[in-house]
């Protein structure tokens, strides 16, 4: 299965495409960003996001796209509204490309990758790097976040009351970040 994770943002929308080899193995296909300029009009930014994501979908033909769910309690409601606009452009690109969209809350993504729904960005980044067998963490963070979304969709949910056994190298990285 080919999965495209997308981290929506008006200035920088990160994307990451992975192939799921089997239940616990993944391969990085592509990662990048669709960037806009802060002085562009909102409609120009949304058009750029739509066109950029549609282009990536056309090139890499994902089976599914994954985005982060919006949550209801934002300190800055304007940010949530603007994020909603970016998500709308992404959903439109997916619909036009006949790609299904799944959405997960940030806490579920963190828990899926690290076993902790309140993990730090550094802990999630360490897991993305480990699970994809990369030598260094993808950059910028928008790409890492997009890859985390894709991996979350690919990973089986932990059993009720149980937890995943993490590789020793990952446990050590997580312990250092605490």
N, C-alpha and C. Protein backbone atom coordinates (compact mmCIF):
# COMPACT_ATOMS: atom_id res chain seq x y z
N UNK A 1 0.84 -1.18 0.00
CA UNK A 1 0.00 0.00 0.00
C UNK A 1 0.88 1.24 0.00
N UNK A 2 0.49 2.23 -0.77
CA UNK A 2 1.21 3.51 -0.80
C UNK A 2 0.37 4.54 -0.04
N UNK A 3 1.01 5.17 0.95
CA UNK A 3 0.32 6.10 1.83
C UNK A 3 1.00 7.46 1.76
N UNK A 4 0.18 8.51 1.64
CA UNK A 4 0.69 9.88 1.61
C UNK A 4 0.21 10.60 2.85
N UNK A 5 1.14 10.98 3.71
CA UNK A 5 0.80 11.80 4.86
C UNK A 5 0.95 13.26 4.48
N UNK A 6 0.04 14.10 4.99
CA UNK A 6 0.08 15.52 4.65
C UNK A 6 -0.11 16.34 5.93
N UNK A 7 0.84 17.23 6.20
CA UNK A 7 0.78 18.12 7.35
C UNK A 7 0.38 19.50 6.84
N UNK A 8 -0.92 19.86 6.97
CA UNK A 8 -1.40 21.09 6.37
C UNK A 8 -0.89 22.35 7.07
N UNK A 9 -0.56 23.33 6.27
CA UNK A 9 -0.19 24.64 6.78
C UNK A 9 -0.29 25.63 5.65
N UNK A 10 -0.65 26.86 5.95
CA UNK A 10 -0.78 27.86 4.89
C UNK A 10 0.56 28.29 4.33
N UNK A 11 1.58 28.36 5.18
CA UNK A 11 2.89 28.77 4.69
C UNK A 11 3.70 27.58 4.19
N UNK A 12 3.57 26.45 4.88
CA UNK A 12 4.35 25.27 4.53
C UNK A 12 3.52 24.03 4.78
N UNK A 13 3.13 23.35 3.72
CA UNK A 13 2.40 22.09 3.82
C UNK A 13 3.40 20.97 3.54
N UNK A 14 3.63 20.15 4.55
CA UNK A 14 4.56 19.04 4.39
C UNK A 14 3.85 17.82 3.85
N UNK A 15 4.56 17.02 3.07
CA UNK A 15 4.00 15.75 2.61
C UNK A 15 5.08 14.68 2.68
N UNK A 16 4.64 13.45 2.85
CA UNK A 16 5.54 12.31 2.87
C UNK A 16 4.82 11.11 2.29
N UNK A 17 5.48 10.43 1.39
CA UNK A 17 4.90 9.26 0.74
C UNK A 17 5.72 8.05 1.15
N UNK A 18 5.03 7.02 1.64
CA UNK A 18 5.71 5.78 2.03
C UNK A 18 5.02 4.60 1.36
N UNK A 19 5.77 3.54 1.19
CA UNK A 19 5.20 2.26 0.80
C UNK A 19 5.21 1.37 2.04
N UNK A 20 4.09 0.73 2.29
CA UNK A 20 4.02 -0.23 3.39
C UNK A 20 4.44 -1.57 2.82
N UNK A 21 5.58 -2.07 3.28
CA UNK A 21 6.12 -3.34 2.79
C UNK A 21 5.40 -4.50 3.44
N UNK A 22 5.25 -4.43 4.76
CA UNK A 22 4.43 -5.40 5.51
C UNK A 22 3.94 -4.69 6.76
N UNK A 23 3.42 -5.41 7.71
CA UNK A 23 2.79 -4.81 8.88
C UNK A 23 3.71 -3.87 9.65
N UNK A 24 5.00 -4.15 9.68
CA UNK A 24 5.91 -3.35 10.50
C UNK A 24 7.08 -2.75 9.71
N UNK A 25 7.02 -2.81 8.39
CA UNK A 25 8.13 -2.26 7.59
C UNK A 25 7.60 -1.30 6.54
N UNK A 26 8.32 -0.17 6.40
CA UNK A 26 7.90 0.88 5.51
C UNK A 26 9.12 1.40 4.75
N UNK A 27 8.87 1.95 3.58
CA UNK A 27 9.95 2.50 2.76
C UNK A 27 9.58 3.91 2.36
N UNK A 28 10.50 4.84 2.58
CA UNK A 28 10.29 6.22 2.16
C UNK A 28 10.35 6.30 0.64
N UNK A 29 9.33 6.91 0.06
CA UNK A 29 9.29 7.13 -1.39
C UNK A 29 9.68 8.56 -1.71
N UNK A 30 9.07 9.51 -0.99
CA UNK A 30 9.29 10.93 -1.27
C UNK A 30 8.83 11.76 -0.09
N UNK A 31 9.46 12.85 0.12
CA UNK A 31 9.03 13.81 1.14
C UNK A 31 9.38 15.20 0.68
N UNK A 32 8.55 16.16 1.03
CA UNK A 32 8.82 17.53 0.62
C UNK A 32 7.79 18.47 1.17
N UNK A 33 7.80 19.69 0.67
CA UNK A 33 6.86 20.70 1.12
C UNK A 33 6.28 21.46 -0.08
N UNK A 34 5.09 21.95 0.13
CA UNK A 34 4.49 22.93 -0.77
C UNK A 34 4.53 24.23 0.01
N UNK A 35 5.33 25.17 -0.45
CA UNK A 35 5.53 26.42 0.27
C UNK A 35 4.80 27.56 -0.41
N UNK A 36 4.29 28.48 0.40
CA UNK A 36 3.68 29.70 -0.11
C UNK A 36 4.34 30.88 0.57
N UNK A 37 4.09 32.05 0.06
CA UNK A 37 4.67 33.26 0.63
C UNK A 37 3.63 33.97 1.50
N UNK A 38 4.08 34.55 2.60
CA UNK A 38 3.16 35.19 3.54
C UNK A 38 2.48 36.42 2.95
N UNK A 39 3.04 37.01 1.90
CA UNK A 39 2.41 38.19 1.30
C UNK A 39 1.43 37.83 0.18
N UNK A 40 1.26 36.53 -0.10
CA UNK A 40 0.29 36.12 -1.11
C UNK A 40 -1.12 36.25 -0.54
N UNK A 41 -2.08 36.49 -1.40
CA UNK A 41 -3.48 36.48 -0.99
C UNK A 41 -3.87 35.06 -0.60
N UNK A 42 -4.87 34.95 0.28
CA UNK A 42 -5.31 33.64 0.74
C UNK A 42 -5.65 32.72 -0.43
N UNK A 43 -6.36 33.24 -1.41
CA UNK A 43 -6.74 32.39 -2.55
C UNK A 43 -5.53 31.91 -3.35
N UNK A 44 -4.48 32.72 -3.42
CA UNK A 44 -3.25 32.29 -4.10
C UNK A 44 -2.56 31.17 -3.32
N UNK A 45 -2.55 31.29 -2.01
CA UNK A 45 -1.92 30.27 -1.17
C UNK A 45 -2.68 28.95 -1.28
N UNK A 46 -4.01 29.02 -1.21
CA UNK A 46 -4.81 27.80 -1.30
C UNK A 46 -4.67 27.16 -2.66
N UNK A 47 -4.61 27.96 -3.70
CA UNK A 47 -4.41 27.43 -5.05
C UNK A 47 -3.07 26.71 -5.16
N UNK A 48 -2.03 27.30 -4.58
CA UNK A 48 -0.70 26.68 -4.62
C UNK A 48 -0.69 25.36 -3.86
N UNK A 49 -1.37 25.33 -2.70
CA UNK A 49 -1.44 24.09 -1.92
C UNK A 49 -2.19 23.02 -2.71
N UNK A 50 -3.34 23.40 -3.26
CA UNK A 50 -4.13 22.46 -4.07
C UNK A 50 -3.30 21.91 -5.22
N UNK A 51 -2.70 22.80 -6.00
CA UNK A 51 -1.94 22.37 -7.18
C UNK A 51 -0.72 21.53 -6.80
N UNK A 52 -0.02 21.94 -5.73
CA UNK A 52 1.17 21.19 -5.31
C UNK A 52 0.82 19.79 -4.83
N UNK A 53 -0.21 19.67 -4.01
CA UNK A 53 -0.60 18.35 -3.50
C UNK A 53 -1.17 17.50 -4.63
N UNK A 54 -1.96 18.10 -5.51
CA UNK A 54 -2.50 17.35 -6.66
C UNK A 54 -1.38 16.83 -7.54
N UNK A 55 -0.34 17.62 -7.71
CA UNK A 55 0.82 17.22 -8.53
C UNK A 55 1.54 16.02 -7.89
N UNK A 56 1.74 16.08 -6.59
CA UNK A 56 2.40 14.97 -5.88
C UNK A 56 1.53 13.71 -5.98
N UNK A 57 0.23 13.86 -5.81
CA UNK A 57 -0.67 12.70 -5.92
C UNK A 57 -0.64 12.11 -7.32
N UNK A 58 -0.61 12.95 -8.34
CA UNK A 58 -0.55 12.46 -9.72
C UNK A 58 0.75 11.70 -9.97
N UNK A 59 1.85 12.20 -9.43
CA UNK A 59 3.14 11.56 -9.66
C UNK A 59 3.30 10.25 -8.89
N UNK A 60 2.85 10.21 -7.62
CA UNK A 60 3.14 9.05 -6.78
C UNK A 60 1.96 8.12 -6.55
N UNK A 61 0.77 8.50 -7.00
CA UNK A 61 -0.41 7.63 -6.98
C UNK A 61 -0.64 6.93 -5.63
N UNK A 62 -0.83 7.71 -4.55
CA UNK A 62 -1.07 7.07 -3.25
C UNK A 62 -2.43 6.36 -3.23
N UNK A 63 -2.51 5.31 -2.43
CA UNK A 63 -3.79 4.62 -2.23
C UNK A 63 -4.67 5.39 -1.27
N UNK A 64 -4.03 6.13 -0.36
CA UNK A 64 -4.77 6.91 0.63
C UNK A 64 -3.91 8.09 1.08
N UNK A 65 -4.58 9.18 1.44
CA UNK A 65 -3.91 10.34 2.02
C UNK A 65 -4.34 10.43 3.47
N UNK A 66 -3.42 10.89 4.33
CA UNK A 66 -3.70 10.98 5.76
C UNK A 66 -3.36 12.38 6.23
N UNK A 67 -4.30 13.01 6.95
CA UNK A 67 -4.09 14.34 7.50
C UNK A 67 -4.39 14.31 9.00
N UNK A 68 -3.94 15.35 9.68
CA UNK A 68 -4.23 15.46 11.11
C UNK A 68 -5.63 16.02 11.30
N UNK A 69 -6.37 15.43 12.24
CA UNK A 69 -7.70 15.94 12.56
C UNK A 69 -7.58 17.28 13.26
N UNK A 70 -8.53 18.15 12.98
CA UNK A 70 -8.62 19.39 13.75
C UNK A 70 -9.27 19.06 15.08
N UNK A 71 -8.81 19.69 16.13
CA UNK A 71 -9.47 19.48 17.41
C UNK A 71 -10.27 20.73 17.75
N UNK A 72 -11.15 20.63 18.71
CA UNK A 72 -12.13 21.70 18.94
C UNK A 72 -11.66 22.84 19.82
N UNK A 73 -10.60 22.65 20.59
CA UNK A 73 -10.19 23.70 21.52
C UNK A 73 -8.84 24.27 21.14
N UNK A 74 -8.86 25.38 20.44
CA UNK A 74 -7.65 26.05 20.03
C UNK A 74 -7.47 27.33 20.84
N UNK A 75 -6.25 27.63 21.21
CA UNK A 75 -5.97 28.90 21.89
C UNK A 75 -6.13 30.06 20.92
N UNK A 76 -5.84 29.78 19.67
CA UNK A 76 -5.90 30.81 18.63
C UNK A 76 -6.88 30.34 17.55
N UNK A 77 -8.17 30.68 17.69
CA UNK A 77 -9.18 30.20 16.74
C UNK A 77 -8.88 30.59 15.30
N UNK A 78 -8.24 31.75 15.09
CA UNK A 78 -7.91 32.17 13.72
C UNK A 78 -6.98 31.15 13.07
N UNK A 79 -6.04 30.61 13.82
CA UNK A 79 -5.13 29.59 13.30
C UNK A 79 -5.92 28.36 12.85
N UNK A 80 -6.89 27.96 13.66
CA UNK A 80 -7.70 26.79 13.31
C UNK A 80 -8.49 27.04 12.03
N UNK A 81 -9.01 28.24 11.89
CA UNK A 81 -9.78 28.57 10.68
C UNK A 81 -8.87 28.52 9.45
N UNK A 82 -7.70 29.11 9.56
CA UNK A 82 -6.76 29.09 8.44
C UNK A 82 -6.31 27.67 8.12
N UNK A 83 -6.10 26.86 9.16
CA UNK A 83 -5.74 25.45 8.95
C UNK A 83 -6.86 24.73 8.22
N UNK A 84 -8.09 25.07 8.57
CA UNK A 84 -9.25 24.47 7.90
C UNK A 84 -9.25 24.79 6.41
N UNK A 85 -8.85 26.00 6.06
CA UNK A 85 -8.76 26.36 4.64
C UNK A 85 -7.73 25.47 3.92
N UNK A 86 -6.56 25.31 4.54
CA UNK A 86 -5.50 24.47 3.94
C UNK A 86 -5.98 23.03 3.80
N UNK A 87 -6.65 22.52 4.83
CA UNK A 87 -7.18 21.15 4.78
C UNK A 87 -8.19 21.02 3.65
N UNK A 88 -9.02 22.06 3.46
CA UNK A 88 -10.00 22.03 2.37
C UNK A 88 -9.33 21.90 1.01
N UNK A 89 -8.23 22.63 0.80
CA UNK A 89 -7.50 22.53 -0.47
C UNK A 89 -6.94 21.12 -0.65
N UNK A 90 -6.48 20.52 0.45
CA UNK A 90 -5.93 19.16 0.40
C UNK A 90 -7.03 18.14 0.09
N UNK A 91 -8.16 18.28 0.76
CA UNK A 91 -9.28 17.37 0.51
C UNK A 91 -9.77 17.49 -0.93
N UNK A 92 -9.79 18.70 -1.46
CA UNK A 92 -10.20 18.89 -2.85
C UNK A 92 -9.21 18.22 -3.80
N UNK A 93 -7.92 18.39 -3.54
CA UNK A 93 -6.90 17.74 -4.38
C UNK A 93 -7.07 16.23 -4.34
N UNK A 94 -7.35 15.69 -3.16
CA UNK A 94 -7.54 14.24 -3.02
C UNK A 94 -8.79 13.80 -3.78
N UNK A 95 -9.87 14.55 -3.64
CA UNK A 95 -11.11 14.18 -4.34
C UNK A 95 -10.91 14.20 -5.85
N UNK A 96 -10.24 15.22 -6.35
CA UNK A 96 -9.98 15.33 -7.79
C UNK A 96 -9.04 14.22 -8.27
N UNK A 97 -8.22 13.70 -7.37
CA UNK A 97 -7.28 12.63 -7.72
C UNK A 97 -7.83 11.25 -7.39
N UNK A 98 -9.07 11.20 -6.91
CA UNK A 98 -9.73 9.95 -6.50
C UNK A 98 -8.93 9.21 -5.42
N UNK A 99 -8.43 9.99 -4.46
CA UNK A 99 -7.67 9.42 -3.35
C UNK A 99 -8.49 9.61 -2.08
N UNK A 100 -8.72 8.51 -1.37
CA UNK A 100 -9.44 8.55 -0.10
C UNK A 100 -8.59 9.28 0.93
N UNK A 101 -9.26 9.95 1.90
CA UNK A 101 -8.56 10.67 2.95
C UNK A 101 -8.96 10.10 4.31
N UNK A 102 -7.96 9.86 5.15
CA UNK A 102 -8.18 9.46 6.55
C UNK A 102 -7.60 10.56 7.42
N UNK A 103 -8.15 10.72 8.62
CA UNK A 103 -7.66 11.74 9.54
C UNK A 103 -7.51 11.15 10.94
N UNK A 104 -6.43 11.52 11.62
CA UNK A 104 -6.15 11.05 12.97
C UNK A 104 -5.83 12.24 13.86
N UNK A 105 -6.26 12.19 15.12
CA UNK A 105 -5.85 13.24 16.06
C UNK A 105 -4.35 13.12 16.35
N UNK A 106 -3.74 14.25 16.67
CA UNK A 106 -2.30 14.27 16.95
C UNK A 106 -1.92 13.28 18.05
N UNK A 107 -2.75 13.17 19.07
CA UNK A 107 -2.43 12.26 20.17
C UNK A 107 -2.39 10.80 19.70
N UNK A 108 -3.23 10.44 18.75
CA UNK A 108 -3.22 9.07 18.23
C UNK A 108 -1.97 8.81 17.40
N UNK A 109 -1.55 9.81 16.64
CA UNK A 109 -0.32 9.67 15.85
C UNK A 109 0.86 9.45 16.79
N UNK A 110 0.95 10.27 17.83
CA UNK A 110 2.04 10.16 18.80
C UNK A 110 2.03 8.80 19.49
N UNK A 111 0.84 8.37 19.91
CA UNK A 111 0.73 7.09 20.60
C UNK A 111 1.08 5.93 19.67
N UNK A 112 0.64 6.01 18.43
CA UNK A 112 0.92 4.95 17.47
C UNK A 112 2.43 4.78 17.24
N UNK A 113 3.15 5.88 17.20
CA UNK A 113 4.58 5.81 16.92
C UNK A 113 5.43 5.57 18.16
N UNK A 114 5.05 6.18 19.29
CA UNK A 114 5.92 6.12 20.46
C UNK A 114 5.33 5.36 21.65
N UNK A 115 4.03 5.09 21.59
CA UNK A 115 3.36 4.47 22.72
C UNK A 115 2.88 5.49 23.75
N UNK A 116 3.12 6.78 23.48
CA UNK A 116 2.75 7.85 24.40
C UNK A 116 2.02 8.94 23.61
N UNK A 117 0.75 9.18 23.93
CA UNK A 117 -0.04 10.19 23.24
C UNK A 117 0.39 11.62 23.51
N UNK A 118 1.33 11.80 24.45
CA UNK A 118 1.84 13.14 24.75
C UNK A 118 3.33 13.26 24.42
N UNK A 119 3.79 12.42 23.52
CA UNK A 119 5.21 12.42 23.15
C UNK A 119 5.60 13.78 22.57
N UNK A 120 6.88 14.10 22.70
CA UNK A 120 7.39 15.35 22.14
C UNK A 120 7.62 15.18 20.64
N UNK A 121 7.79 16.32 19.98
CA UNK A 121 8.09 16.29 18.54
C UNK A 121 9.41 15.53 18.30
N UNK A 122 10.38 15.71 19.19
CA UNK A 122 11.67 15.03 19.05
C UNK A 122 11.50 13.51 19.15
N UNK A 123 10.64 13.06 20.04
CA UNK A 123 10.40 11.62 20.19
C UNK A 123 9.73 11.05 18.94
N UNK A 124 8.75 11.78 18.41
CA UNK A 124 8.08 11.33 17.19
C UNK A 124 9.08 11.32 16.03
N UNK A 125 9.88 12.36 15.94
CA UNK A 125 10.89 12.43 14.87
C UNK A 125 11.88 11.27 14.96
N UNK A 126 12.28 10.90 16.17
CA UNK A 126 13.20 9.78 16.36
C UNK A 126 12.56 8.48 15.86
N UNK A 127 11.29 8.31 16.12
CA UNK A 127 10.60 7.10 15.67
C UNK A 127 10.44 7.08 14.15
N UNK A 128 10.10 8.22 13.56
CA UNK A 128 9.99 8.29 12.10
C UNK A 128 11.32 7.89 11.47
N UNK A 129 12.39 8.45 11.99
CA UNK A 129 13.73 8.16 11.47
C UNK A 129 14.05 6.67 11.61
N UNK A 130 13.76 6.11 12.77
CA UNK A 130 14.03 4.70 13.04
C UNK A 130 13.18 3.79 12.15
N UNK A 131 11.89 4.04 12.11
CA UNK A 131 10.97 3.16 11.38
C UNK A 131 11.22 3.17 9.87
N UNK A 132 11.71 4.29 9.36
CA UNK A 132 12.01 4.37 7.92
C UNK A 132 13.46 4.02 7.62
N UNK A 133 14.24 3.72 8.66
CA UNK A 133 15.63 3.33 8.46
C UNK A 133 16.48 4.43 7.86
N UNK A 134 16.22 5.66 8.28
CA UNK A 134 16.94 6.81 7.73
C UNK A 134 18.17 7.13 8.58
N UNK A 135 19.16 7.72 7.96
CA UNK A 135 20.36 8.12 8.68
C UNK A 135 20.16 9.41 9.47
N UNK A 136 19.25 10.26 8.98
CA UNK A 136 18.97 11.50 9.70
C UNK A 136 17.48 11.82 9.61
N UNK A 137 17.03 12.66 10.53
CA UNK A 137 15.63 13.03 10.60
C UNK A 137 15.26 13.89 9.39
N UNK A 138 14.13 13.59 8.75
CA UNK A 138 13.70 14.41 7.61
C UNK A 138 13.52 15.87 8.04
N UNK A 139 13.76 16.76 7.11
CA UNK A 139 13.66 18.18 7.39
C UNK A 139 12.94 18.85 6.23
N UNK A 140 12.15 19.87 6.50
CA UNK A 140 11.81 20.46 7.78
C UNK A 140 10.84 19.58 8.57
N UNK A 141 10.46 20.05 9.75
CA UNK A 141 9.58 19.29 10.64
C UNK A 141 8.24 18.97 10.00
N UNK A 142 7.80 19.79 9.05
CA UNK A 142 6.53 19.53 8.36
C UNK A 142 6.58 18.19 7.61
N UNK A 143 7.73 17.85 7.06
CA UNK A 143 7.90 16.58 6.36
C UNK A 143 7.87 15.43 7.38
N UNK A 144 8.58 15.59 8.48
CA UNK A 144 8.58 14.57 9.53
C UNK A 144 7.17 14.33 10.05
N UNK A 145 6.41 15.40 10.27
CA UNK A 145 5.04 15.27 10.76
C UNK A 145 4.16 14.55 9.73
N UNK A 146 4.35 14.85 8.46
CA UNK A 146 3.59 14.18 7.41
C UNK A 146 3.92 12.69 7.36
N UNK A 147 5.19 12.36 7.49
CA UNK A 147 5.59 10.95 7.49
C UNK A 147 5.04 10.23 8.72
N UNK A 148 4.98 10.91 9.85
CA UNK A 148 4.40 10.32 11.07
C UNK A 148 2.93 9.98 10.82
N UNK A 149 2.20 10.84 10.15
CA UNK A 149 0.80 10.57 9.82
C UNK A 149 0.68 9.33 8.95
N UNK A 150 1.52 9.22 7.93
CA UNK A 150 1.48 8.07 7.03
C UNK A 150 1.80 6.78 7.78
N UNK A 151 2.82 6.82 8.62
CA UNK A 151 3.20 5.63 9.38
C UNK A 151 2.09 5.24 10.36
N UNK A 152 1.48 6.23 10.99
CA UNK A 152 0.37 5.95 11.91
C UNK A 152 -0.72 5.16 11.21
N UNK A 153 -1.05 5.55 9.99
CA UNK A 153 -2.10 4.85 9.25
C UNK A 153 -1.69 3.40 8.95
N UNK A 154 -0.41 3.19 8.71
CA UNK A 154 0.08 1.86 8.32
C UNK A 154 0.23 0.91 9.50
N UNK A 155 0.42 1.46 10.70
CA UNK A 155 0.69 0.61 11.87
C UNK A 155 -0.58 0.03 12.44
N UNK A 156 -0.52 -1.22 12.87
CA UNK A 156 -1.69 -1.79 13.54
C UNK A 156 -1.88 -1.12 14.90
N UNK A 157 -3.12 -0.97 15.30
CA UNK A 157 -3.41 -0.35 16.60
C UNK A 157 -2.93 -1.27 17.71
N UNK A 158 -2.39 -0.71 18.80
CA UNK A 158 -1.97 -1.56 19.92
C UNK A 158 -3.19 -2.24 20.54
N UNK A 159 -2.96 -3.40 21.11
CA UNK A 159 -4.04 -4.14 21.75
C UNK A 159 -4.54 -3.38 22.97
N UNK A 160 -5.82 -3.54 23.26
CA UNK A 160 -6.42 -2.88 24.42
C UNK A 160 -5.62 -3.24 25.67
N UNK A 161 -5.16 -2.23 26.38
CA UNK A 161 -4.44 -2.46 27.63
C UNK A 161 -2.99 -2.86 27.44
N UNK A 162 -2.58 -3.05 26.20
CA UNK A 162 -1.20 -3.47 25.96
C UNK A 162 -0.36 -2.33 25.41
N UNK A 163 0.85 -2.64 25.04
CA UNK A 163 1.71 -1.65 24.42
C UNK A 163 2.64 -2.34 23.44
N UNK A 164 3.16 -1.57 22.52
CA UNK A 164 4.11 -2.11 21.55
C UNK A 164 5.49 -2.18 22.17
N UNK A 165 6.21 -3.21 21.84
CA UNK A 165 7.61 -3.30 22.29
C UNK A 165 8.46 -2.53 21.29
N UNK A 166 9.12 -1.50 21.75
CA UNK A 166 9.94 -0.67 20.89
C UNK A 166 11.36 -1.23 20.80
N UNK A 167 12.01 -1.04 19.64
CA UNK A 167 13.40 -1.48 19.53
C UNK A 167 14.27 -0.75 20.55
N UNK A 168 15.34 -1.40 21.00
CA UNK A 168 16.22 -0.85 22.04
C UNK A 168 16.76 0.53 21.64
N UNK A 169 17.14 0.72 20.38
CA UNK A 169 17.68 2.02 19.95
C UNK A 169 16.64 3.12 20.10
N UNK A 170 15.38 2.79 19.85
CA UNK A 170 14.31 3.78 19.98
C UNK A 170 14.03 4.06 21.44
N UNK A 171 14.00 3.02 22.26
CA UNK A 171 13.78 3.24 23.70
C UNK A 171 14.86 4.14 24.27
N UNK A 172 16.10 3.94 23.84
CA UNK A 172 17.20 4.77 24.32
C UNK A 172 17.02 6.23 23.87
N UNK A 173 16.62 6.44 22.63
CA UNK A 173 16.40 7.81 22.12
C UNK A 173 15.26 8.48 22.88
N UNK A 174 14.21 7.74 23.15
CA UNK A 174 13.07 8.30 23.88
C UNK A 174 13.48 8.65 25.31
N UNK A 175 14.27 7.80 25.94
CA UNK A 175 14.73 8.04 27.31
C UNK A 175 15.58 9.30 27.38
N UNK A 176 16.43 9.53 26.37
CA UNK A 176 17.28 10.72 26.35
C UNK A 176 16.44 11.99 26.27
N UNK A 177 15.29 11.95 25.55
CA UNK A 177 14.46 13.13 25.37
C UNK A 177 13.61 13.47 26.58
N UNK A 178 13.51 12.57 27.52
CA UNK A 178 12.63 12.82 28.69
C UNK A 178 13.26 13.73 29.68
